[in-house]
Amino acid sequence: MAYEFTKEDLKEIENIKAKYPEVMPATLPTLWVAQRRFGHVEPEVQRLVAATLGLPEAHVHGVANFYTQYYKVKKGKHVLDVCTCLSCQLCGGYDILHHLEDKLGIKAGETTEDGTFTLNQVECLGACGYAPMLQVTNDRYVNHLTKEKVDNLIEKLKNGEELEYEQIKMPQHKNI
């Protein structure tokens, strides 16, 4: 498949480049434009980004491979990153992961046959106080997971519903 940016993408990339005195710092946001457009930044997409920015392919490849948020292979429409680090693990992270594996009929690291969901087991997403939790396609965090909450999330995503940001209320401390 030959990858090409749209005119709108190219305009956005030009706006990104204009923010920096040199082009190299535009690599990360341009990779985001590419991932949003193509769903991943496999090597052919990385070459397109390098050519568009006039940078060495090795530089773009190094940046794309350093950051786990850039998908180097095609993923499902919705990527579910389930945290299983210690905090989430102690609060049921593996239970949530296994529930999703059963519900979606895939194992961690796989994509559903219809291309709707990719399920990943990941390390810390920096929200230990809201465990167990997951991230949906590098965007929304879903916190304090239960099997029922996960089932509701899957149905919303299948139906194309927009996910709302979850507001977490901090506990109120009484002055002593």
N, C-alpha and C. Protein backbone atom coordinates (compact mmCIF):
# COMPACT_ATOMS: atom_id res chain seq x y z
N MET A 1 0.84 -1.18 0.00
CA MET A 1 0.00 0.00 0.00
C MET A 1 0.88 1.25 0.00
N ALA A 2 0.56 2.19 -0.86
CA ALA A 2 1.28 3.45 -0.90
C ALA A 2 0.59 4.44 0.04
N TYR A 3 1.33 4.98 0.96
CA TYR A 3 0.78 5.93 1.92
C TYR A 3 1.02 7.35 1.45
N GLU A 4 -0.01 8.17 1.58
CA GLU A 4 0.10 9.59 1.24
C GLU A 4 -0.68 10.41 2.26
N PHE A 5 -0.14 11.55 2.60
CA PHE A 5 -0.87 12.48 3.46
C PHE A 5 -1.89 13.23 2.62
N THR A 6 -3.00 13.62 3.24
CA THR A 6 -3.99 14.45 2.56
C THR A 6 -3.50 15.89 2.57
N LYS A 7 -4.16 16.75 1.80
CA LYS A 7 -3.83 18.18 1.81
C LYS A 7 -3.99 18.75 3.21
N GLU A 8 -5.03 18.29 3.93
CA GLU A 8 -5.26 18.77 5.30
C GLU A 8 -4.13 18.34 6.22
N ASP A 9 -3.67 17.10 6.05
CA ASP A 9 -2.55 16.61 6.86
C ASP A 9 -1.30 17.45 6.60
N LEU A 10 -1.03 17.71 5.33
CA LEU A 10 0.16 18.49 4.98
C LEU A 10 0.09 19.90 5.54
N LYS A 11 -1.10 20.48 5.54
CA LYS A 11 -1.26 21.82 6.13
C LYS A 11 -1.00 21.76 7.63
N GLU A 12 -1.52 20.73 8.29
CA GLU A 12 -1.29 20.57 9.72
C GLU A 12 0.20 20.38 10.01
N ILE A 13 0.88 19.60 9.17
CA ILE A 13 2.32 19.38 9.36
C ILE A 13 3.10 20.68 9.16
N GLU A 14 2.70 21.47 8.19
CA GLU A 14 3.35 22.77 8.00
C GLU A 14 3.16 23.67 9.23
N ASN A 15 1.97 23.64 9.81
CA ASN A 15 1.71 24.42 11.03
C ASN A 15 2.56 23.91 12.19
N ILE A 16 2.74 22.60 12.27
CA ILE A 16 3.59 22.02 13.30
C ILE A 16 5.02 22.49 13.11
N LYS A 17 5.52 22.38 11.88
CA LYS A 17 6.90 22.78 11.60
C LYS A 17 7.14 24.25 11.91
N ALA A 18 6.13 25.08 11.71
CA ALA A 18 6.27 26.52 11.96
C ALA A 18 6.47 26.83 13.44
N LYS A 19 6.15 25.92 14.30
CA LYS A 19 6.29 26.15 15.75
C LYS A 19 7.72 25.99 16.24
N TYR A 20 8.60 25.43 15.41
CA TYR A 20 9.95 25.10 15.84
C TYR A 20 10.99 25.80 14.96
N PRO A 21 12.12 26.19 15.57
CA PRO A 21 13.17 26.83 14.77
C PRO A 21 13.87 25.85 13.83
N GLU A 22 13.81 24.55 14.16
CA GLU A 22 14.37 23.49 13.31
C GLU A 22 13.30 22.42 13.11
N VAL A 23 13.45 21.61 12.11
CA VAL A 23 12.40 20.64 11.76
C VAL A 23 12.41 19.39 12.65
N MET A 24 13.56 19.02 13.20
CA MET A 24 13.66 17.77 13.94
C MET A 24 12.61 17.65 15.08
N PRO A 25 12.37 18.68 15.87
CA PRO A 25 11.36 18.55 16.94
C PRO A 25 9.93 18.31 16.42
N ALA A 26 9.70 18.52 15.16
CA ALA A 26 8.37 18.27 14.58
C ALA A 26 8.11 16.79 14.35
N THR A 27 9.12 15.95 14.60
CA THR A 27 8.98 14.51 14.33
C THR A 27 7.84 13.89 15.13
N LEU A 28 7.82 14.10 16.44
CA LEU A 28 6.79 13.46 17.27
C LEU A 28 5.39 13.87 16.87
N PRO A 29 5.08 15.17 16.79
CA PRO A 29 3.70 15.51 16.40
C PRO A 29 3.35 15.08 14.98
N THR A 30 4.33 15.02 14.09
CA THR A 30 4.04 14.56 12.74
C THR A 30 3.77 13.05 12.73
N LEU A 31 4.45 12.31 13.58
CA LEU A 31 4.13 10.89 13.72
C LEU A 31 2.70 10.70 14.24
N TRP A 32 2.24 11.59 15.12
CA TRP A 32 0.85 11.53 15.59
C TRP A 32 -0.12 11.78 14.44
N VAL A 33 0.21 12.73 13.58
CA VAL A 33 -0.64 12.99 12.41
C VAL A 33 -0.71 11.72 11.56
N ALA A 34 0.44 11.09 11.35
CA ALA A 34 0.50 9.88 10.54
C ALA A 34 -0.29 8.74 11.18
N GLN A 35 -0.13 8.57 12.48
CA GLN A 35 -0.84 7.48 13.15
C GLN A 35 -2.35 7.71 13.13
N ARG A 36 -2.75 8.95 13.30
CA ARG A 36 -4.18 9.28 13.23
C ARG A 36 -4.72 8.98 11.82
N ARG A 37 -3.93 9.27 10.80
CA ARG A 37 -4.36 9.06 9.41
C ARG A 37 -4.39 7.57 9.05
N PHE A 38 -3.31 6.83 9.38
CA PHE A 38 -3.17 5.46 8.90
C PHE A 38 -3.43 4.39 9.96
N GLY A 39 -3.51 4.80 11.23
CA GLY A 39 -3.76 3.85 12.31
C GLY A 39 -2.50 3.21 12.87
N HIS A 40 -1.35 3.54 12.29
CA HIS A 40 -0.08 2.96 12.72
C HIS A 40 1.04 3.75 12.03
N VAL A 41 2.27 3.46 12.45
CA VAL A 41 3.43 4.07 11.79
C VAL A 41 4.45 2.97 11.46
N GLU A 42 3.98 1.99 10.69
CA GLU A 42 4.89 0.93 10.26
C GLU A 42 5.99 1.56 9.41
N PRO A 43 7.06 0.82 9.10
CA PRO A 43 8.21 1.42 8.42
C PRO A 43 7.89 2.25 7.17
N GLU A 44 6.94 1.82 6.37
CA GLU A 44 6.60 2.60 5.17
C GLU A 44 6.03 3.98 5.54
N VAL A 45 5.27 4.04 6.60
CA VAL A 45 4.72 5.32 7.08
C VAL A 45 5.86 6.17 7.66
N GLN A 46 6.78 5.54 8.35
CA GLN A 46 7.93 6.27 8.89
C GLN A 46 8.73 6.90 7.75
N ARG A 47 8.88 6.17 6.64
CA ARG A 47 9.59 6.73 5.48
C ARG A 47 8.85 7.95 4.93
N LEU A 48 7.52 7.89 4.89
CA LEU A 48 6.73 9.03 4.43
C LEU A 48 6.95 10.24 5.34
N VAL A 49 6.94 10.01 6.65
CA VAL A 49 7.17 11.11 7.60
C VAL A 49 8.56 11.71 7.38
N ALA A 50 9.56 10.84 7.22
CA ALA A 50 10.93 11.33 6.99
C ALA A 50 11.00 12.16 5.72
N ALA A 51 10.40 11.67 4.64
CA ALA A 51 10.43 12.41 3.37
C ALA A 51 9.67 13.73 3.49
N THR A 52 8.54 13.72 4.19
CA THR A 52 7.73 14.94 4.33
C THR A 52 8.48 15.99 5.13
N LEU A 53 9.21 15.55 6.16
CA LEU A 53 9.96 16.50 7.00
C LEU A 53 11.37 16.77 6.48
N GLY A 54 11.83 16.00 5.50
CA GLY A 54 13.19 16.17 5.00
C GLY A 54 14.23 15.72 6.02
N LEU A 55 13.89 14.67 6.76
CA LEU A 55 14.78 14.14 7.79
C LEU A 55 15.26 12.75 7.41
N PRO A 56 16.36 12.30 8.01
CA PRO A 56 16.83 10.93 7.74
C PRO A 56 15.81 9.90 8.25
N GLU A 57 15.61 8.85 7.47
CA GLU A 57 14.70 7.78 7.88
C GLU A 57 15.11 7.18 9.22
N ALA A 58 16.41 7.09 9.46
CA ALA A 58 16.90 6.50 10.72
C ALA A 58 16.43 7.31 11.92
N HIS A 59 16.38 8.62 11.79
CA HIS A 59 15.91 9.46 12.89
C HIS A 59 14.43 9.18 13.20
N VAL A 60 13.60 9.18 12.18
CA VAL A 60 12.16 8.95 12.37
C VAL A 60 11.93 7.55 12.91
N HIS A 61 12.67 6.58 12.37
CA HIS A 61 12.55 5.20 12.84
C HIS A 61 12.91 5.11 14.32
N GLY A 62 13.99 5.77 14.72
CA GLY A 62 14.42 5.75 16.12
C GLY A 62 13.38 6.35 17.05
N VAL A 63 12.79 7.46 16.65
CA VAL A 63 11.76 8.11 17.46
C VAL A 63 10.53 7.20 17.56
N ALA A 64 10.08 6.69 16.43
CA ALA A 64 8.87 5.86 16.42
C ALA A 64 9.05 4.60 17.26
N ASN A 65 10.24 4.04 17.24
CA ASN A 65 10.48 2.80 17.99
C ASN A 65 10.78 3.04 19.46
N PHE A 66 11.18 4.23 19.81
CA PHE A 66 11.44 4.53 21.22
C PHE A 66 10.14 4.63 22.01
N TYR A 67 9.13 5.24 21.42
CA TYR A 67 7.88 5.50 22.13
C TYR A 67 6.86 4.39 21.85
N THR A 68 6.36 3.78 22.92
CA THR A 68 5.40 2.69 22.77
C THR A 68 4.04 3.18 22.29
N GLN A 69 3.76 4.46 22.38
CA GLN A 69 2.46 4.99 21.95
C GLN A 69 2.30 4.97 20.43
N TYR A 70 3.41 4.87 19.72
CA TYR A 70 3.33 4.77 18.26
C TYR A 70 3.22 3.30 17.90
N TYR A 71 2.22 2.95 17.13
CA TYR A 71 1.98 1.57 16.75
C TYR A 71 2.79 1.24 15.51
N LYS A 72 3.71 0.31 15.65
CA LYS A 72 4.58 -0.06 14.54
C LYS A 72 3.96 -1.10 13.63
N VAL A 73 2.84 -1.65 14.03
CA VAL A 73 2.09 -2.58 13.20
C VAL A 73 0.62 -2.18 13.26
N LYS A 74 -0.13 -2.66 12.29
CA LYS A 74 -1.56 -2.35 12.25
C LYS A 74 -2.24 -2.90 13.50
N LYS A 75 -3.09 -2.08 14.10
CA LYS A 75 -3.84 -2.45 15.30
C LYS A 75 -5.33 -2.35 14.99
N GLY A 76 -6.13 -2.75 15.95
CA GLY A 76 -7.57 -2.61 15.80
C GLY A 76 -7.98 -1.16 15.90
N LYS A 77 -9.22 -0.89 15.57
CA LYS A 77 -9.76 0.47 15.65
C LYS A 77 -9.64 1.01 17.07
N HIS A 78 -9.88 0.15 18.06
CA HIS A 78 -9.77 0.53 19.46
C HIS A 78 -8.69 -0.33 20.10
N VAL A 79 -7.67 0.31 20.64
CA VAL A 79 -6.58 -0.39 21.31
C VAL A 79 -6.80 -0.26 22.82
N LEU A 80 -6.96 -1.39 23.47
CA LEU A 80 -7.20 -1.41 24.91
C LEU A 80 -5.92 -1.81 25.62
N ASP A 81 -5.29 -0.86 26.29
CA ASP A 81 -4.06 -1.10 27.04
C ASP A 81 -4.43 -1.30 28.50
N VAL A 82 -4.39 -2.55 28.96
CA VAL A 82 -4.75 -2.88 30.33
C VAL A 82 -3.49 -2.89 31.18
N CYS A 83 -3.48 -2.05 32.19
CA CYS A 83 -2.33 -1.96 33.09
C CYS A 83 -2.32 -3.17 34.01
N THR A 84 -1.15 -3.82 34.10
CA THR A 84 -1.00 -4.96 35.01
C THR A 84 0.22 -4.78 35.91
N CYS A 85 0.66 -3.53 36.11
CA CYS A 85 1.79 -3.33 37.02
C CYS A 85 1.29 -3.57 38.45
N LEU A 86 2.13 -3.40 39.42
CA LEU A 86 1.83 -3.83 40.78
C LEU A 86 0.52 -3.26 41.34
N SER A 87 0.32 -1.95 41.25
CA SER A 87 -0.90 -1.37 41.82
C SER A 87 -2.15 -1.94 41.15
N CYS A 88 -2.15 -1.96 39.83
CA CYS A 88 -3.31 -2.50 39.12
C CYS A 88 -3.44 -4.00 39.35
N GLN A 89 -2.31 -4.69 39.41
CA GLN A 89 -2.33 -6.13 39.65
C GLN A 89 -2.99 -6.44 40.99
N LEU A 90 -2.62 -5.71 42.04
CA LEU A 90 -3.18 -5.94 43.37
C LEU A 90 -4.66 -5.60 43.45
N CYS A 91 -5.11 -4.73 42.55
CA CYS A 91 -6.51 -4.31 42.55
C CYS A 91 -7.36 -5.06 41.52
N GLY A 92 -6.78 -6.04 40.84
CA GLY A 92 -7.55 -6.86 39.91
C GLY A 92 -7.24 -6.64 38.45
N GLY A 93 -6.11 -6.07 38.13
CA GLY A 93 -5.75 -5.82 36.74
C GLY A 93 -5.73 -7.07 35.87
N TYR A 94 -5.20 -8.16 36.41
CA TYR A 94 -5.18 -9.41 35.64
C TYR A 94 -6.58 -9.97 35.48
N ASP A 95 -7.43 -9.80 36.49
CA ASP A 95 -8.83 -10.25 36.36
C ASP A 95 -9.51 -9.51 35.21
N ILE A 96 -9.25 -8.20 35.11
CA ILE A 96 -9.84 -7.39 34.03
C ILE A 96 -9.27 -7.84 32.68
N LEU A 97 -7.96 -8.06 32.62
CA LEU A 97 -7.33 -8.51 31.37
C LEU A 97 -7.94 -9.84 30.92
N HIS A 98 -8.05 -10.79 31.83
CA HIS A 98 -8.60 -12.10 31.48
C HIS A 98 -10.08 -12.01 31.10
N HIS A 99 -10.82 -11.12 31.77
CA HIS A 99 -12.22 -10.90 31.41
C HIS A 99 -12.33 -10.38 29.97
N LEU A 100 -11.46 -9.43 29.62
CA LEU A 100 -11.47 -8.89 28.25
C LEU A 100 -11.05 -9.96 27.24
N GLU A 101 -10.07 -10.78 27.58
CA GLU A 101 -9.67 -11.87 26.68
C GLU A 101 -10.86 -12.79 26.40
N ASP A 102 -11.61 -13.14 27.47
CA ASP A 102 -12.78 -14.00 27.30
C ASP A 102 -13.87 -13.31 26.49
N LYS A 103 -14.12 -12.04 26.81
CA LYS A 103 -15.21 -11.30 26.16
C LYS A 103 -14.93 -11.07 24.68
N LEU A 104 -13.67 -10.75 24.35
CA LEU A 104 -13.32 -10.43 22.97
C LEU A 104 -12.87 -11.67 22.17
N GLY A 105 -12.59 -12.77 22.86
CA GLY A 105 -12.15 -13.98 22.17
C GLY A 105 -10.74 -13.90 21.63
N ILE A 106 -9.91 -13.09 22.26
CA ILE A 106 -8.51 -12.95 21.85
C ILE A 106 -7.64 -12.94 23.10
N LYS A 107 -6.35 -13.10 22.91
CA LYS A 107 -5.38 -13.00 24.00
C LYS A 107 -4.69 -11.65 23.92
N ALA A 108 -4.05 -11.26 25.01
CA ALA A 108 -3.28 -10.02 25.02
C ALA A 108 -2.27 -10.05 23.87
N GLY A 109 -2.18 -8.93 23.15
CA GLY A 109 -1.28 -8.83 22.00
C GLY A 109 -1.96 -9.16 20.68
N GLU A 110 -3.24 -9.53 20.73
CA GLU A 110 -3.96 -9.91 19.52
C GLU A 110 -5.04 -8.89 19.17
N THR A 111 -5.55 -9.02 17.95
CA THR A 111 -6.61 -8.15 17.44
C THR A 111 -7.80 -9.03 17.04
N THR A 112 -8.99 -8.55 17.32
CA THR A 112 -10.19 -9.31 16.94
C THR A 112 -10.23 -9.48 15.42
N GLU A 113 -10.87 -10.54 14.98
CA GLU A 113 -10.93 -10.84 13.55
C GLU A 113 -11.52 -9.71 12.73
N ASP A 114 -12.49 -8.99 13.31
CA ASP A 114 -13.13 -7.90 12.58
C ASP A 114 -12.31 -6.60 12.63
N GLY A 115 -11.16 -6.62 13.32
CA GLY A 115 -10.30 -5.44 13.37
C GLY A 115 -10.80 -4.34 14.30
N THR A 116 -11.77 -4.65 15.15
CA THR A 116 -12.32 -3.62 16.03
C THR A 116 -11.47 -3.38 17.27
N PHE A 117 -10.95 -4.45 17.88
CA PHE A 117 -10.22 -4.31 19.13
C PHE A 117 -8.86 -4.98 19.08
N THR A 118 -7.87 -4.30 19.64
CA THR A 118 -6.57 -4.89 19.95
C THR A 118 -6.45 -4.81 21.47
N LEU A 119 -6.03 -5.90 22.08
CA LEU A 119 -5.89 -5.97 23.53
C LEU A 119 -4.42 -6.09 23.89
N ASN A 120 -3.95 -5.19 24.73
CA ASN A 120 -2.56 -5.20 25.17
C ASN A 120 -2.47 -5.25 26.68
N GLN A 121 -1.47 -5.95 27.16
CA GLN A 121 -1.10 -5.91 28.57
C GLN A 121 0.08 -4.95 28.65
N VAL A 122 -0.05 -3.90 29.48
CA VAL A 122 1.00 -2.89 29.53
C VAL A 122 1.43 -2.66 30.98
N GLU A 123 2.58 -2.06 31.09
CA GLU A 123 3.07 -1.65 32.40
C GLU A 123 2.50 -0.28 32.74
N CYS A 124 2.93 0.27 33.79
CA CYS A 124 2.38 1.46 34.42
C CYS A 124 1.96 2.56 33.44
N LEU A 125 0.73 2.99 33.59
CA LEU A 125 0.20 4.11 32.81
C LEU A 125 0.12 5.37 33.66
N GLY A 126 0.70 5.31 34.85
CA GLY A 126 0.79 6.50 35.71
C GLY A 126 -0.49 6.89 36.41
N ALA A 127 -1.36 5.93 36.65
CA ALA A 127 -2.62 6.23 37.34
C ALA A 127 -2.87 5.21 38.44
N CYS A 128 -1.84 4.95 39.22
CA CYS A 128 -1.90 3.89 40.23
C CYS A 128 -3.03 4.09 41.23
N GLY A 129 -3.35 5.31 41.55
CA GLY A 129 -4.40 5.59 42.51
C GLY A 129 -5.79 5.27 42.00
N TYR A 130 -5.91 4.95 40.71
CA TYR A 130 -7.22 4.69 40.10
C TYR A 130 -7.33 3.25 39.61
N ALA A 131 -6.49 2.39 40.17
CA ALA A 131 -6.40 0.99 39.75
C ALA A 131 -7.66 0.21 40.12
N PRO A 132 -7.94 -0.84 39.32
CA PRO A 132 -7.31 -1.17 38.04
C PRO A 132 -7.84 -0.25 36.94
N MET A 133 -7.01 -0.04 35.94
CA MET A 133 -7.38 0.89 34.88
C MET A 133 -6.84 0.44 33.54
N LEU A 134 -7.38 1.07 32.49
CA LEU A 134 -6.89 0.84 31.14
C LEU A 134 -6.96 2.15 30.37
N GLN A 135 -6.28 2.15 29.23
CA GLN A 135 -6.26 3.29 28.33
C GLN A 135 -6.83 2.84 26.99
N VAL A 136 -7.66 3.70 26.39
CA VAL A 136 -8.26 3.38 25.10
C VAL A 136 -7.55 4.19 24.01
N THR A 137 -6.83 3.49 23.14
CA THR A 137 -6.18 4.06 21.97
C THR A 137 -5.42 5.35 22.27
N ASN A 138 -4.49 5.25 23.24
CA ASN A 138 -3.62 6.38 23.58
C ASN A 138 -4.39 7.64 23.98
N ASP A 139 -5.59 7.50 24.50
CA ASP A 139 -6.38 8.69 24.81
C ASP A 139 -7.03 8.59 26.17
N ARG A 140 -8.19 8.04 26.20
CA ARG A 140 -9.00 8.05 27.41
C ARG A 140 -8.58 6.97 28.40
N TYR A 141 -8.46 7.39 29.65
CA TYR A 141 -8.27 6.43 30.74
C TYR A 141 -9.63 6.03 31.26
N VAL A 142 -9.77 4.76 31.60
CA VAL A 142 -10.97 4.26 32.24
C VAL A 142 -10.49 3.66 33.56
N ASN A 143 -10.98 4.23 34.66
CA ASN A 143 -10.44 3.95 35.98
C ASN A 143 -11.37 3.11 36.84
N HIS A 144 -10.81 2.59 37.94
CA HIS A 144 -11.58 1.80 38.91
C HIS A 144 -12.44 0.76 38.19
N LEU A 145 -11.79 -0.05 37.37
CA LEU A 145 -12.51 -1.00 36.51
C LEU A 145 -13.19 -2.12 37.29
N THR A 146 -14.35 -2.48 36.80
CA THR A 146 -15.06 -3.68 37.22
C THR A 146 -15.42 -4.42 35.93
N LYS A 147 -15.84 -5.67 36.04
CA LYS A 147 -16.24 -6.41 34.85
C LYS A 147 -17.44 -5.72 34.18
N GLU A 148 -18.36 -5.20 34.99
CA GLU A 148 -19.54 -4.52 34.45
C GLU A 148 -19.13 -3.23 33.71
N LYS A 149 -18.19 -2.50 34.28
CA LYS A 149 -17.72 -1.27 33.65
C LYS A 149 -17.03 -1.58 32.32
N VAL A 150 -16.26 -2.65 32.28
CA VAL A 150 -15.58 -3.07 31.06
C VAL A 150 -16.60 -3.49 30.01
N ASP A 151 -17.61 -4.25 30.42
CA ASP A 151 -18.65 -4.67 29.48
C ASP A 151 -19.35 -3.46 28.87
N ASN A 152 -19.64 -2.46 29.68
CA ASN A 152 -20.28 -1.23 29.21
C ASN A 152 -19.36 -0.49 28.24
N LEU A 153 -18.08 -0.43 28.55
CA LEU A 153 -17.09 0.22 27.68
C LEU A 153 -17.06 -0.45 26.32
N ILE A 154 -17.01 -1.78 26.29
CA ILE A 154 -16.95 -2.51 25.02
C ILE A 154 -18.19 -2.22 24.19
N GLU A 155 -19.35 -2.21 24.80
CA GLU A 155 -20.60 -1.92 24.08
C GLU A 155 -20.59 -0.51 23.51
N LYS A 156 -20.13 0.46 24.30
CA LYS A 156 -20.06 1.85 23.81
C LYS A 156 -19.13 1.95 22.60
N LEU A 157 -17.98 1.31 22.69
CA LEU A 157 -17.03 1.36 21.58
C LEU A 157 -17.58 0.66 20.34
N LYS A 158 -18.22 -0.49 20.53
CA LYS A 158 -18.82 -1.21 19.40
C LYS A 158 -19.89 -0.36 18.71
N ASN A 159 -20.64 0.40 19.50
CA ASN A 159 -21.73 1.22 18.97
C ASN A 159 -21.27 2.58 18.46
N GLY A 160 -19.96 2.84 18.53
CA GLY A 160 -19.43 4.10 18.03
C GLY A 160 -19.73 5.29 18.91
N GLU A 161 -20.07 5.04 20.17
CA GLU A 161 -20.38 6.13 21.08
C GLU A 161 -19.10 6.80 21.56
N GLU A 162 -19.17 8.10 21.74
CA GLU A 162 -18.05 8.88 22.24
C GLU A 162 -17.87 8.59 23.73
N LEU A 163 -16.64 8.35 24.15
CA LEU A 163 -16.38 8.12 25.56
C LEU A 163 -16.25 9.46 26.27
N GLU A 164 -16.85 9.56 27.42
CA GLU A 164 -16.73 10.78 28.21
C GLU A 164 -15.49 10.68 29.08
N TYR A 165 -14.91 11.84 29.36
CA TYR A 165 -13.80 11.85 30.31
C TYR A 165 -14.37 11.58 31.69
N GLU A 166 -13.66 10.77 32.42
CA GLU A 166 -14.07 10.40 33.76
C GLU A 166 -13.46 11.37 34.76
N GLN A 167 -14.28 11.98 35.56
CA GLN A 167 -13.75 12.86 36.59
C GLN A 167 -13.56 12.05 37.86
N ILE A 168 -12.38 12.10 38.39
CA ILE A 168 -12.08 11.38 39.62
C ILE A 168 -12.15 12.37 40.77
N LYS A 169 -12.97 12.04 41.74
CA LYS A 169 -13.09 12.91 42.91
C LYS A 169 -12.06 12.49 43.94
N MET A 170 -11.34 13.47 44.40
CA MET A 170 -10.32 13.21 45.42
C MET A 170 -11.01 13.16 46.79
N PRO A 171 -10.50 12.30 47.66
CA PRO A 171 -11.11 12.23 49.00
C PRO A 171 -10.92 13.54 49.74
N GLN A 172 -11.89 13.90 50.52
CA GLN A 172 -11.82 15.12 51.34
C GLN A 172 -11.16 14.76 52.67
N HIS A 173 -10.18 15.56 53.06
CA HIS A 173 -9.50 15.33 54.33
C HIS A 173 -9.96 16.37 55.32
N LYS A 174 -10.22 15.90 56.51
CA LYS A 174 -10.64 16.83 57.56
C LYS A 174 -9.43 17.41 58.24
N ASN A 175 -9.49 18.68 58.55
CA ASN A 175 -8.39 19.31 59.29
C ASN A 175 -8.41 18.79 60.72
N ILE A 176 -7.27 18.49 61.21
CA ILE A 176 -7.17 17.98 62.59
C ILE A 176 -6.82 19.12 63.51
